[in-house]
PDB file of all heavy atoms in Angstrom:
ATOM      1  N   ALA A   1      24.740  -1.791   0.420  1.00  0.00           N
ATOM      2  CA  ALA A   1      25.878  -2.629   0.808  1.00  0.00           C
ATOM      3  C   ALA A   1      25.531  -4.104   0.725  1.00  0.00           C
ATOM      4  O   ALA A   1      26.331  -4.926   0.269  1.00  0.00           O
ATOM      5  CB  ALA A   1      26.332  -2.259   2.216  1.00  0.00           C
ATOM      6  N   GLY A   2      24.324  -4.470   1.173  1.00  0.00           N
ATOM      7  CA  GLY A   2      23.934  -5.874   1.186  1.00  0.00           C
ATOM      8  C   GLY A   2      23.807  -6.472  -0.199  1.00  0.00           C
ATOM      9  O   GLY A   2      24.135  -7.643  -0.409  1.00  0.00           O
ATOM     10  N   PHE A   3      23.337  -5.658  -1.161  1.00  0.00           N
ATOM     11  CA  PHE A   3      23.207  -6.141  -2.531  1.00  0.00           C
ATOM     12  C   PHE A   3      24.462  -5.868  -3.356  1.00  0.00           C
ATOM     13  O   PHE A   3      24.494  -6.162  -4.552  1.00  0.00           O
ATOM     14  CB  PHE A   3      21.986  -5.517  -3.203  1.00  0.00           C
ATOM     15  CG  PHE A   3      20.684  -6.118  -2.745  1.00  0.00           C
ATOM     16  CD1 PHE A   3      19.919  -5.500  -1.780  1.00  0.00           C
ATOM     17  CD2 PHE A   3      20.250  -7.328  -3.256  1.00  0.00           C
ATOM     18  CE1 PHE A   3      18.721  -6.060  -1.341  1.00  0.00           C
ATOM     19  CE2 PHE A   3      19.056  -7.905  -2.833  1.00  0.00           C
ATOM     20  CZ  PHE A   3      18.299  -7.260  -1.870  1.00  0.00           C
ATOM     21  N   GLU A   4      25.475  -5.304  -2.714  1.00  0.00           N
ATOM     22  CA  GLU A   4      26.773  -5.034  -3.355  1.00  0.00           C
ATOM     23  C   GLU A   4      26.585  -4.293  -4.679  1.00  0.00           C
ATOM     24  O   GLU A   4      27.149  -4.660  -5.711  1.00  0.00           O
ATOM     25  CB  GLU A   4      27.538  -6.342  -3.576  1.00  0.00           C
ATOM     26  CG  GLU A   4      27.800  -7.102  -2.275  1.00  0.00           C
ATOM     27  CD  GLU A   4      28.550  -8.406  -2.489  1.00  0.00           C
ATOM     28  OE1 GLU A   4      29.783  -8.355  -2.646  1.00  0.00           O
ATOM     29  OE2 GLU A   4      27.885  -9.460  -2.520  1.00  0.00           O
ATOM     30  N   ALA A   5      25.759  -3.249  -4.630  1.00  0.00           N
ATOM     31  CA  ALA A   5      25.454  -2.452  -5.816  1.00  0.00           C
ATOM     32  C   ALA A   5      26.377  -1.244  -5.873  1.00  0.00           C
ATOM     33  O   ALA A   5      26.403  -0.425  -4.956  1.00  0.00           O
ATOM     34  CB  ALA A   5      24.006  -1.994  -5.785  1.00  0.00           C
ATOM     35  N   ASP A   6      27.141  -1.134  -6.951  1.00  0.00           N
ATOM     36  CA  ASP A   6      28.115  -0.062  -7.106  1.00  0.00           C
ATOM     37  C   ASP A   6      27.629   0.987  -8.095  1.00  0.00           C
ATOM     38  O   ASP A   6      26.653   0.796  -8.813  1.00  0.00           O
ATOM     39  CB  ASP A   6      29.459  -0.631  -7.588  1.00  0.00           C
ATOM     40  CG  ASP A   6      30.062  -1.611  -6.591  1.00  0.00           C
ATOM     41  OD1 ASP A   6      29.927  -1.367  -5.381  1.00  0.00           O
ATOM     42  OD2 ASP A   6      30.653  -2.618  -7.032  1.00  0.00           O
ATOM     43  N   GLY A   7      28.347   2.082  -8.149  1.00  0.00           N
ATOM     44  CA  GLY A   7      28.139   3.098  -9.174  1.00  0.00           C
ATOM     45  C   GLY A   7      26.751   3.702  -9.156  1.00  0.00           C
ATOM     46  O   GLY A   7      26.113   3.843  -8.108  1.00  0.00           O
ATOM     47  N   ALA A   8      26.244   4.032 -10.351  1.00  0.00           N
ATOM     48  CA  ALA A   8      24.946   4.682 -10.477  1.00  0.00           C
ATOM     49  C   ALA A   8      23.822   3.791  -9.970  1.00  0.00           C
ATOM     50  O   ALA A   8      22.859   4.267  -9.360  1.00  0.00           O
ATOM     51  CB  ALA A   8      24.698   5.084 -11.930  1.00  0.00           C
ATOM     52  N   LEU A   9      23.936   2.483 -10.213  1.00  0.00           N
ATOM     53  CA  LEU A   9      22.897   1.574  -9.739  1.00  0.00           C
ATOM     54  C   LEU A   9      22.879   1.535  -8.217  1.00  0.00           C
ATOM     55  O   LEU A   9      21.812   1.502  -7.596  1.00  0.00           O
ATOM     56  CB  LEU A   9      23.112   0.173 -10.304  1.00  0.00           C
ATOM     57  CG  LEU A   9      22.033  -0.855  -9.962  1.00  0.00           C
ATOM     58  CD1 LEU A   9      20.674  -0.403 -10.484  1.00  0.00           C
ATOM     59  CD2 LEU A   9      22.388  -2.221 -10.525  1.00  0.00           C
ATOM     60  N   GLY A  10      24.055   1.571  -7.592  1.00  0.00           N
ATOM     61  CA  GLY A  10      24.124   1.616  -6.140  1.00  0.00           C
ATOM     62  C   GLY A  10      23.499   2.884  -5.592  1.00  0.00           C
ATOM     63  O   GLY A  10      22.795   2.858  -4.567  1.00  0.00           O
ATOM     64  N   ASP A  11      23.753   4.013  -6.254  1.00  0.00           N
ATOM     65  CA  ASP A  11      23.132   5.273  -5.846  1.00  0.00           C
ATOM     66  C   ASP A  11      21.618   5.161  -5.890  1.00  0.00           C
ATOM     67  O   ASP A  11      20.908   5.628  -4.995  1.00  0.00           O
ATOM     68  CB  ASP A  11      23.588   6.419  -6.760  1.00  0.00           C
ATOM     69  CG  ASP A  11      25.060   6.763  -6.564  1.00  0.00           C
ATOM     70  OD1 ASP A  11      25.621   6.399  -5.512  1.00  0.00           O
ATOM     71  OD2 ASP A  11      25.637   7.387  -7.465  1.00  0.00           O
ATOM     72  N   TYR A  12      21.125   4.545  -6.961  1.00  0.00           N
ATOM     73  CA  TYR A  12      19.674   4.384  -7.102  1.00  0.00           C
ATOM     74  C   TYR A  12      19.120   3.527  -5.975  1.00  0.00           C
ATOM     75  O   TYR A  12      18.109   3.881  -5.357  1.00  0.00           O
ATOM     76  CB  TYR A  12      19.338   3.765  -8.456  1.00  0.00           C
ATOM     77  CG  TYR A  12      17.882   3.404  -8.595  1.00  0.00           C
ATOM     78  CD1 TYR A  12      16.960   4.357  -9.008  1.00  0.00           C
ATOM     79  CD2 TYR A  12      17.423   2.123  -8.284  1.00  0.00           C
ATOM     80  CE1 TYR A  12      15.612   4.039  -9.108  1.00  0.00           C
ATOM     81  CE2 TYR A  12      16.084   1.800  -8.388  1.00  0.00           C
ATOM     82  CZ  TYR A  12      15.185   2.758  -8.800  1.00  0.00           C
ATOM     83  OH  TYR A  12      13.866   2.437  -8.889  1.00  0.00           O
ATOM     84  N   PHE A  13      19.739   2.374  -5.718  1.00  0.00           N
ATOM     85  CA  PHE A  13      19.265   1.486  -4.659  1.00  0.00           C
ATOM     86  C   PHE A  13      19.209   2.223  -3.319  1.00  0.00           C
ATOM     87  O   PHE A  13      18.231   2.125  -2.583  1.00  0.00           O
ATOM     88  CB  PHE A  13      20.185   0.267  -4.547  1.00  0.00           C
ATOM     89  CG  PHE A  13      19.775  -0.887  -5.416  1.00  0.00           C
ATOM     90  CD1 PHE A  13      19.340  -0.685  -6.710  1.00  0.00           C
ATOM     91  CD2 PHE A  13      19.844  -2.183  -4.948  1.00  0.00           C
ATOM     92  CE1 PHE A  13      18.971  -1.740  -7.521  1.00  0.00           C
ATOM     93  CE2 PHE A  13      19.474  -3.265  -5.744  1.00  0.00           C
ATOM     94  CZ  PHE A  13      19.036  -3.029  -7.033  1.00  0.00           C
ATOM     95  N   GLU A  14      20.271   2.953  -3.012  1.00  0.00           N
ATOM     96  CA  GLU A  14      20.351   3.628  -1.725  1.00  0.00           C
ATOM     97  C   GLU A  14      19.298   4.724  -1.592  1.00  0.00           C
ATOM     98  O   GLU A  14      18.555   4.782  -0.608  1.00  0.00           O
ATOM     99  CB  GLU A  14      21.748   4.216  -1.543  1.00  0.00           C
ATOM    100  CG  GLU A  14      21.929   4.950  -0.226  1.00  0.00           C
ATOM    101  CD  GLU A  14      23.351   5.421  -0.003  1.00  0.00           C
ATOM    102  OE1 GLU A  14      24.257   4.929  -0.701  1.00  0.00           O
ATOM    103  OE2 GLU A  14      23.543   6.284   0.873  1.00  0.00           O
ATOM    104  N   ARG A  15      19.213   5.585  -2.590  1.00  0.00           N
ATOM    105  CA  ARG A  15      18.309   6.724  -2.505  1.00  0.00           C
ATOM    106  C   ARG A  15      16.844   6.296  -2.620  1.00  0.00           C
ATOM    107  O   ARG A  15      15.971   6.822  -1.914  1.00  0.00           O
ATOM    108  CB  ARG A  15      18.672   7.743  -3.581  1.00  0.00           C
ATOM    109  CG  ARG A  15      20.061   8.328  -3.377  1.00  0.00           C
ATOM    110  CD  ARG A  15      20.511   9.193  -4.542  1.00  0.00           C
ATOM    111  NE  ARG A  15      19.717  10.401  -4.644  1.00  0.00           N
ATOM    112  CZ  ARG A  15      19.950  11.356  -5.561  1.00  0.00           C
ATOM    113  NH1 ARG A  15      20.944  11.208  -6.436  1.00  0.00           N
ATOM    114  NH2 ARG A  15      19.195  12.432  -5.593  1.00  0.00           N
ATOM    115  N   ALA A  16      16.556   5.339  -3.502  1.00  0.00           N
ATOM    116  CA  ALA A  16      15.175   4.882  -3.659  1.00  0.00           C
ATOM    117  C   ALA A  16      14.690   4.148  -2.406  1.00  0.00           C
ATOM    118  O   ALA A  16      13.542   4.313  -1.982  1.00  0.00           O
ATOM    119  CB  ALA A  16      15.053   3.988  -4.879  1.00  0.00           C
ATOM    120  N   SER A  17      15.559   3.323  -1.808  1.00  0.00           N
ATOM    121  CA  SER A  17      15.170   2.592  -0.602  1.00  0.00           C
ATOM    122  C   SER A  17      14.879   3.553   0.546  1.00  0.00           C
ATOM    123  O   SER A  17      13.890   3.392   1.274  1.00  0.00           O
ATOM    124  CB  SER A  17      16.271   1.607  -0.198  1.00  0.00           C
ATOM    125  OG  SER A  17      16.485   0.651  -1.205  1.00  0.00           O
ATOM    126  N   ALA A  18      15.733   4.560   0.704  1.00  0.00           N
ATOM    127  CA  ALA A  18      15.521   5.546   1.765  1.00  0.00           C
ATOM    128  C   ALA A  18      14.233   6.329   1.526  1.00  0.00           C
ATOM    129  O   ALA A  18      13.443   6.566   2.454  1.00  0.00           O
ATOM    130  CB  ALA A  18      16.712   6.491   1.845  1.00  0.00           C
ATOM    131  N   ALA A  19      13.993   6.724   0.268  1.00  0.00           N
ATOM    132  CA  ALA A  19      12.791   7.501  -0.048  1.00  0.00           C
ATOM    133  C   ALA A  19      11.530   6.678   0.176  1.00  0.00           C
ATOM    134  O   ALA A  19      10.514   7.191   0.655  1.00  0.00           O
ATOM    135  CB  ALA A  19      12.862   7.997  -1.488  1.00  0.00           C
ATOM    136  N   HIS A  20      11.601   5.411  -0.165  1.00  0.00           N
ATOM    137  CA  HIS A  20      10.465   4.503   0.008  1.00  0.00           C
ATOM    138  C   HIS A  20      10.015   4.487   1.462  1.00  0.00           C
ATOM    139  O   HIS A  20       8.823   4.633   1.774  1.00  0.00           O
ATOM    140  CB  HIS A  20      10.902   3.108  -0.432  1.00  0.00           C
ATOM    141  CG  HIS A  20       9.792   2.126  -0.572  1.00  0.00           C
ATOM    142  ND1 HIS A  20      10.009   0.785  -0.772  1.00  0.00           N
ATOM    143  CD2 HIS A  20       8.451   2.254  -0.533  1.00  0.00           C
ATOM    144  CE1 HIS A  20       8.861   0.144  -0.848  1.00  0.00           C
ATOM    145  NE2 HIS A  20       7.895   1.007  -0.703  1.00  0.00           N
ATOM    146  N   VAL A  21      10.966   4.327   2.365  1.00  0.00           N
ATOM    147  CA  VAL A  21      10.663   4.266   3.794  1.00  0.00           C
ATOM    148  C   VAL A  21      10.191   5.624   4.304  1.00  0.00           C
ATOM    149  O   VAL A  21       9.238   5.723   5.090  1.00  0.00           O
ATOM    150  CB  VAL A  21      11.912   3.797   4.564  1.00  0.00           C
ATOM    151  CG1 VAL A  21      11.703   3.948   6.067  1.00  0.00           C
ATOM    152  CG2 VAL A  21      12.235   2.351   4.214  1.00  0.00           C
ATOM    153  N   ARG A  22      10.838   6.673   3.834  1.00  0.00           N
ATOM    154  CA  ARG A  22      10.509   8.024   4.301  1.00  0.00           C
ATOM    155  C   ARG A  22       9.096   8.441   3.884  1.00  0.00           C
ATOM    156  O   ARG A  22       8.368   9.079   4.650  1.00  0.00           O
ATOM    157  CB  ARG A  22      11.534   9.012   3.758  1.00  0.00           C
ATOM    158  CG  ARG A  22      11.447  10.410   4.352  1.00  0.00           C
ATOM    159  CD  ARG A  22      12.530  11.305   3.781  1.00  0.00           C
ATOM    160  NE  ARG A  22      13.859  10.829   4.150  1.00  0.00           N
ATOM    161  CZ  ARG A  22      14.744  10.359   3.257  1.00  0.00           C
ATOM    162  NH1 ARG A  22      14.432  10.297   1.968  1.00  0.00           N
ATOM    163  NH2 ARG A  22      15.937   9.965   3.667  1.00  0.00           N
ATOM    164  N   GLN A  23       8.691   8.060   2.686  1.00  0.00           N
ATOM    165  CA  GLN A  23       7.419   8.516   2.149  1.00  0.00           C
ATOM    166  C   GLN A  23       6.239   7.616   2.523  1.00  0.00           C
ATOM    167  O   GLN A  23       5.092   8.025   2.396  1.00  0.00           O
ATOM    168  CB  GLN A  23       7.518   8.627   0.631  1.00  0.00           C
ATOM    169  CG  GLN A  23       8.486   9.698   0.159  1.00  0.00           C
ATOM    170  CD  GLN A  23       8.706   9.666  -1.342  1.00  0.00           C
ATOM    171  OE1 GLN A  23       8.024   8.951  -2.071  1.00  0.00           O
ATOM    172  NE2 GLN A  23       9.693  10.426  -1.813  1.00  0.00           N
ATOM    173  N   GLN A  24       6.515   6.388   2.971  1.00  0.00           N
ATOM    174  CA  GLN A  24       5.438   5.447   3.307  1.00  0.00           C
ATOM    175  C   GLN A  24       5.646   4.878   4.713  1.00  0.00           C
ATOM    176  O   GLN A  24       5.784   3.657   4.893  1.00  0.00           O
ATOM    177  CB  GLN A  24       5.389   4.306   2.282  1.00  0.00           C
ATOM    178  CG  GLN A  24       5.136   4.744   0.866  1.00  0.00           C
ATOM    179  CD  GLN A  24       3.685   5.123   0.635  1.00  0.00           C
ATOM    180  OE1 GLN A  24       2.812   4.840   1.447  1.00  0.00           O
ATOM    181  NE2 GLN A  24       3.408   5.752  -0.496  1.00  0.00           N
ATOM    182  N   PRO A  25       5.670   5.724   5.735  1.00  0.00           N
ATOM    183  CA  PRO A  25       6.022   5.247   7.074  1.00  0.00           C
ATOM    184  C   PRO A  25       5.038   4.254   7.676  1.00  0.00           C
ATOM    185  O   PRO A  25       5.410   3.480   8.572  1.00  0.00           O
ATOM    186  CB  PRO A  25       6.083   6.543   7.908  1.00  0.00           C
ATOM    187  CG  PRO A  25       5.194   7.499   7.172  1.00  0.00           C
ATOM    188  CD  PRO A  25       5.363   7.167   5.713  1.00  0.00           C
ATOM    189  N   THR A  26       3.788   4.248   7.233  1.00  0.00           N
ATOM    190  CA  THR A  26       2.818   3.304   7.804  1.00  0.00           C
ATOM    191  C   THR A  26       2.765   1.997   7.038  1.00  0.00           C
ATOM    192  O   THR A  26       2.174   1.022   7.520  1.00  0.00           O
ATOM    193  CB  THR A  26       1.404   3.929   7.816  1.00  0.00           C
ATOM    194  OG1 THR A  26       0.995   4.209   6.471  1.00  0.00           O
ATOM    195  CG2 THR A  26       1.389   5.208   8.634  1.00  0.00           C
ATOM    196  N   ARG A  27       3.373   1.953   5.855  1.00  0.00           N
ATOM    197  CA  ARG A  27       3.318   0.739   5.034  1.00  0.00           C
ATOM    198  C   ARG A  27       4.682   0.072   4.887  1.00  0.00           C
ATOM    199  O   ARG A  27       4.745  -1.145   4.706  1.00  0.00           O
ATOM    200  CB  ARG A  27       2.770   1.074   3.645  1.00  0.00           C
ATOM    201  CG  ARG A  27       1.364   1.651   3.678  1.00  0.00           C
ATOM    202  CD  ARG A  27       0.845   1.944   2.298  1.00  0.00           C
ATOM    203  NE  ARG A  27       0.613   0.714   1.540  1.00  0.00           N
ATOM    204  CZ  ARG A  27       0.246   0.694   0.255  1.00  0.00           C
ATOM    205  NH1 ARG A  27       0.115   1.822  -0.409  1.00  0.00           N
ATOM    206  NH2 ARG A  27       0.039  -0.455  -0.356  1.00  0.00           N
ATOM    207  N   ALA A  28       5.739   0.847   4.933  1.00  0.00           N
ATOM    208  CA  ALA A  28       7.097   0.313   4.758  1.00  0.00           C
ATOM    209  C   ALA A  28       7.785   0.257   6.116  1.00  0.00           C
ATOM    210  O   ALA A  28       8.030   1.294   6.738  1.00  0.00           O
ATOM    211  CB  ALA A  28       7.890   1.186   3.795  1.00  0.00           C
ATOM    212  N   ILE A  29       8.085  -0.949   6.576  1.00  0.00           N
ATOM    213  CA  ILE A  29       8.711  -1.137   7.886  1.00  0.00           C
ATOM    214  C   ILE A  29      10.121  -1.667   7.674  1.00  0.00           C
ATOM    215  O   ILE A  29      10.311  -2.846   7.332  1.00  0.00           O
ATOM    216  CB  ILE A  29       7.898  -2.115   8.744  1.00  0.00           C
ATOM    217  CG1 ILE A  29       6.457  -1.606   8.910  1.00  0.00           C
ATOM    218  CG2 ILE A  29       8.553  -2.311  10.108  1.00  0.00           C
ATOM    219  CD1 ILE A  29       5.553  -2.571   9.633  1.00  0.00           C
ATOM    220  N   PRO A  30      11.148  -0.815   7.839  1.00  0.00           N
ATOM    221  CA  PRO A  30      12.529  -1.255   7.623  1.00  0.00           C
ATOM    222  C   PRO A  30      13.113  -1.890   8.885  1.00  0.00           C
ATOM    223  O   PRO A  30      12.755  -1.525  10.001  1.00  0.00           O
ATOM    224  CB  PRO A  30      13.252   0.050   7.288  1.00  0.00           C
ATOM    225  CG  PRO A  30      12.532   1.082   8.109  1.00  0.00           C
ATOM    226  CD  PRO A  30      11.076   0.618   8.148  1.00  0.00           C
ATOM    227  N   LEU A  31      14.000  -2.837   8.684  1.00  0.00           N
ATOM    228  CA  LEU A  31      14.716  -3.467   9.786  1.00  0.00           C
ATOM    229  C   LEU A  31      16.208  -3.448   9.494  1.00  0.00           C
ATOM    230  O   LEU A  31      16.626  -3.546   8.334  1.00  0.00           O
ATOM    231  CB  LEU A  31      14.258  -4.915   9.971  1.00  0.00           C
ATOM    232  CG  LEU A  31      12.784  -5.162  10.305  1.00  0.00           C
ATOM    233  CD1 LEU A  31      12.511  -6.654  10.363  1.00  0.00           C
ATOM    234  CD2 LEU A  31      12.391  -4.484  11.597  1.00  0.00           C
ATOM    235  N   VAL A  32      16.989  -3.351  10.552  1.00  0.00           N
ATOM    236  CA  VAL A  32      18.442  -3.474  10.436  1.00  0.00           C
ATOM    237  C   VAL A  32      18.897  -4.567  11.394  1.00  0.00           C
ATOM    238  O   VAL A  32      18.433  -4.646  12.529  1.00  0.00           O
ATOM    239  CB  VAL A  32      19.149  -2.142  10.752  1.00  0.00           C
ATOM    240  CG1 VAL A  32      18.808  -1.643  12.146  1.00  0.00           C
ATOM    241  CG2 VAL A  32      20.673  -2.311  10.624  1.00  0.00           C
ATOM    242  N   ALA A  33      19.765  -5.437  10.891  1.00  0.00           N
ATOM    243  CA  ALA A  33      20.354  -6.478  11.725  1.00  0.00           C
ATOM    244  C   ALA A  33      21.777  -6.071  12.084  1.00  0.00           C
ATOM    245  O   ALA A  33      22.542  -5.648  11.212  1.00  0.00           O
ATOM    246  CB  ALA A  33      20.371  -7.809  10.977  1.00  0.00           C
ATOM    247  N   THR A  34      22.109  -6.161  13.363  1.00  0.00           N
ATOM    248  CA  THR A  34      23.479  -5.918  13.806  1.00  0.00           C
ATOM    249  C   THR A  34      23.986  -7.153  14.544  1.00  0.00           C
ATOM    250  O   THR A  34      23.198  -7.882  15.167  1.00  0.00           O
ATOM    251  CB  THR A  34      23.580  -4.690  14.731  1.00  0.00           C
ATOM    252  OG1 THR A  34      22.798  -4.921  15.916  1.00  0.00           O
ATOM    253  CG2 THR A  34      23.073  -3.431  14.036  1.00  0.00           C
ATOM    254  N   VAL A  35      25.275  -7.379  14.456  1.00  0.00           N
ATOM    255  CA  VAL A  35      25.926  -8.460  15.193  1.00  0.00           C
ATOM    256  C   VAL A  35      27.031  -7.843  16.032  1.00  0.00           C
ATOM    257  O   VAL A  35      27.967  -7.239  15.495  1.00  0.00           O
ATOM    258  CB  VAL A  35      26.490  -9.534  14.242  1.00  0.00           C
ATOM    259  CG1 VAL A  35      27.294 -10.568  15.031  1.00  0.00           C
ATOM    260  CG2 VAL A  35      25.377 -10.217  13.473  1.00  0.00           C
ATOM    261  N   ASP A  36      26.874  -7.942  17.330  1.00  0.00           N
ATOM    262  CA  ASP A  36      27.820  -7.332  18.265  1.00  0.00           C
ATOM    263  C   ASP A  36      28.027  -5.855  17.939  1.00  0.00           C
ATOM    264  O   ASP A  36      29.146  -5.327  18.007  1.00  0.00           O
ATOM    265  CB  ASP A  36      29.156  -8.073  18.242  1.00  0.00           C
ATOM    266  CG  ASP A  36      29.018  -9.509  18.701  1.00  0.00           C
ATOM    267  OD1 ASP A  36      28.161  -9.781  19.563  1.00  0.00           O
ATOM    268  OD2 ASP A  36      29.764 -10.377  18.183  1.00  0.00           O
ATOM    269  N   GLY A  37      26.934  -5.189  17.553  1.00  0.00           N
ATOM    270  CA  GLY A  37      26.964  -3.753  17.309  1.00  0.00           C
ATOM    271  C   GLY A  37      27.331  -3.346  15.901  1.00  0.00           C
ATOM    272  O   GLY A  37      27.214  -2.162  15.559  1.00  0.00           O
ATOM    273  N   ALA A  38      27.747  -4.273  15.051  1.00  0.00           N
ATOM    274  CA  ALA A  38      28.145  -3.947  13.676  1.00  0.00           C
ATOM    275  C   ALA A  38      26.985  -4.232  12.726  1.00  0.00           C
ATOM    276  O   ALA A  38      26.334  -5.281  12.826  1.00  0.00           O
ATOM    277  CB  ALA A  38      29.372  -4.757  13.265  1.00  0.00           C
ATOM    278  N   ASP A  39      26.744  -3.312  11.799  1.00  0.00           N
ATOM    279  CA  ASP A  39      25.678  -3.522  10.812  1.00  0.00           C
ATOM    280  C   ASP A  39      25.939  -4.789  10.010  1.00  0.00           C
ATOM    281  O   ASP A  39      27.036  -4.994   9.484  1.00  0.00           O
ATOM    282  CB  ASP A  39      25.596  -2.329   9.865  1.00  0.00           C
ATOM    283  CG  ASP A  39      24.981  -1.116  10.526  1.00  0.00           C
ATOM    284  OD1 ASP A  39      24.358  -1.266  11.593  1.00  0.00           O
ATOM    285  OD2 ASP A  39      25.119  -0.002   9.977  1.00  0.00           O
ATOM    286  N   ALA A  40      24.911  -5.649   9.911  1.00  0.00           N
ATOM    287  CA  ALA A  40      25.086  -6.945   9.246  1.00  0.00           C
ATOM    288  C   ALA A  40      24.100  -7.180   8.112  1.00  0.00           C
ATOM    289  O   ALA A  40      24.364  -8.001   7.236  1.00  0.00           O
ATOM    290  CB  ALA A  40      24.959  -8.078  10.266  1.00  0.00           C
ATOM    291  N   GLY A  41      22.956  -6.487   8.102  1.00  0.00           N
ATOM    292  CA  GLY A  41      21.981  -6.748   7.051  1.00  0.00           C
ATOM    293  C   GLY A  41      20.776  -5.849   7.162  1.00  0.00           C
ATOM    294  O   GLY A  41      20.634  -5.063   8.109  1.00  0.00           O
ATOM    295  N   SER A  42      19.885  -5.967   6.181  1.00  0.00           N
ATOM    296  CA  SER A  42      18.684  -5.139   6.135  1.00  0.00           C
ATOM    297  C   SER A  42      17.508  -5.981   5.665  1.00  0.00           C
ATOM    298  O   SER A  42      17.679  -7.054   5.075  1.00  0.00           O
ATOM    299  CB  SER A  42      18.881  -3.957   5.175  1.00  0.00           C
ATOM    300  OG  SER A  42      19.053  -4.439   3.847  1.00  0.00           O
ATOM    301  N   ALA A  43      16.300  -5.470   5.906  1.00  0.00           N
ATOM    302  CA  ALA A  43      15.089  -6.144   5.450  1.00  0.00           C
ATOM    303  C   ALA A  43      13.944  -5.147   5.494  1.00  0.00           C
ATOM    304  O   ALA A  43      13.955  -4.201   6.291  1.00  0.00           O
ATOM    305  CB  ALA A  43      14.776  -7.353   6.318  1.00  0.00           C
TER     306      ALA A  43
END
């Protein structure tokens, strides 16, 4: 959502990012930013 990636490229971004974090839990530290409870960004 943050990179506004649509279609097949968006699928790749979403699935690869999730897999990256899932497979490297000690090296990949994901963050989520929320504003008043609403998702606002990632890092």
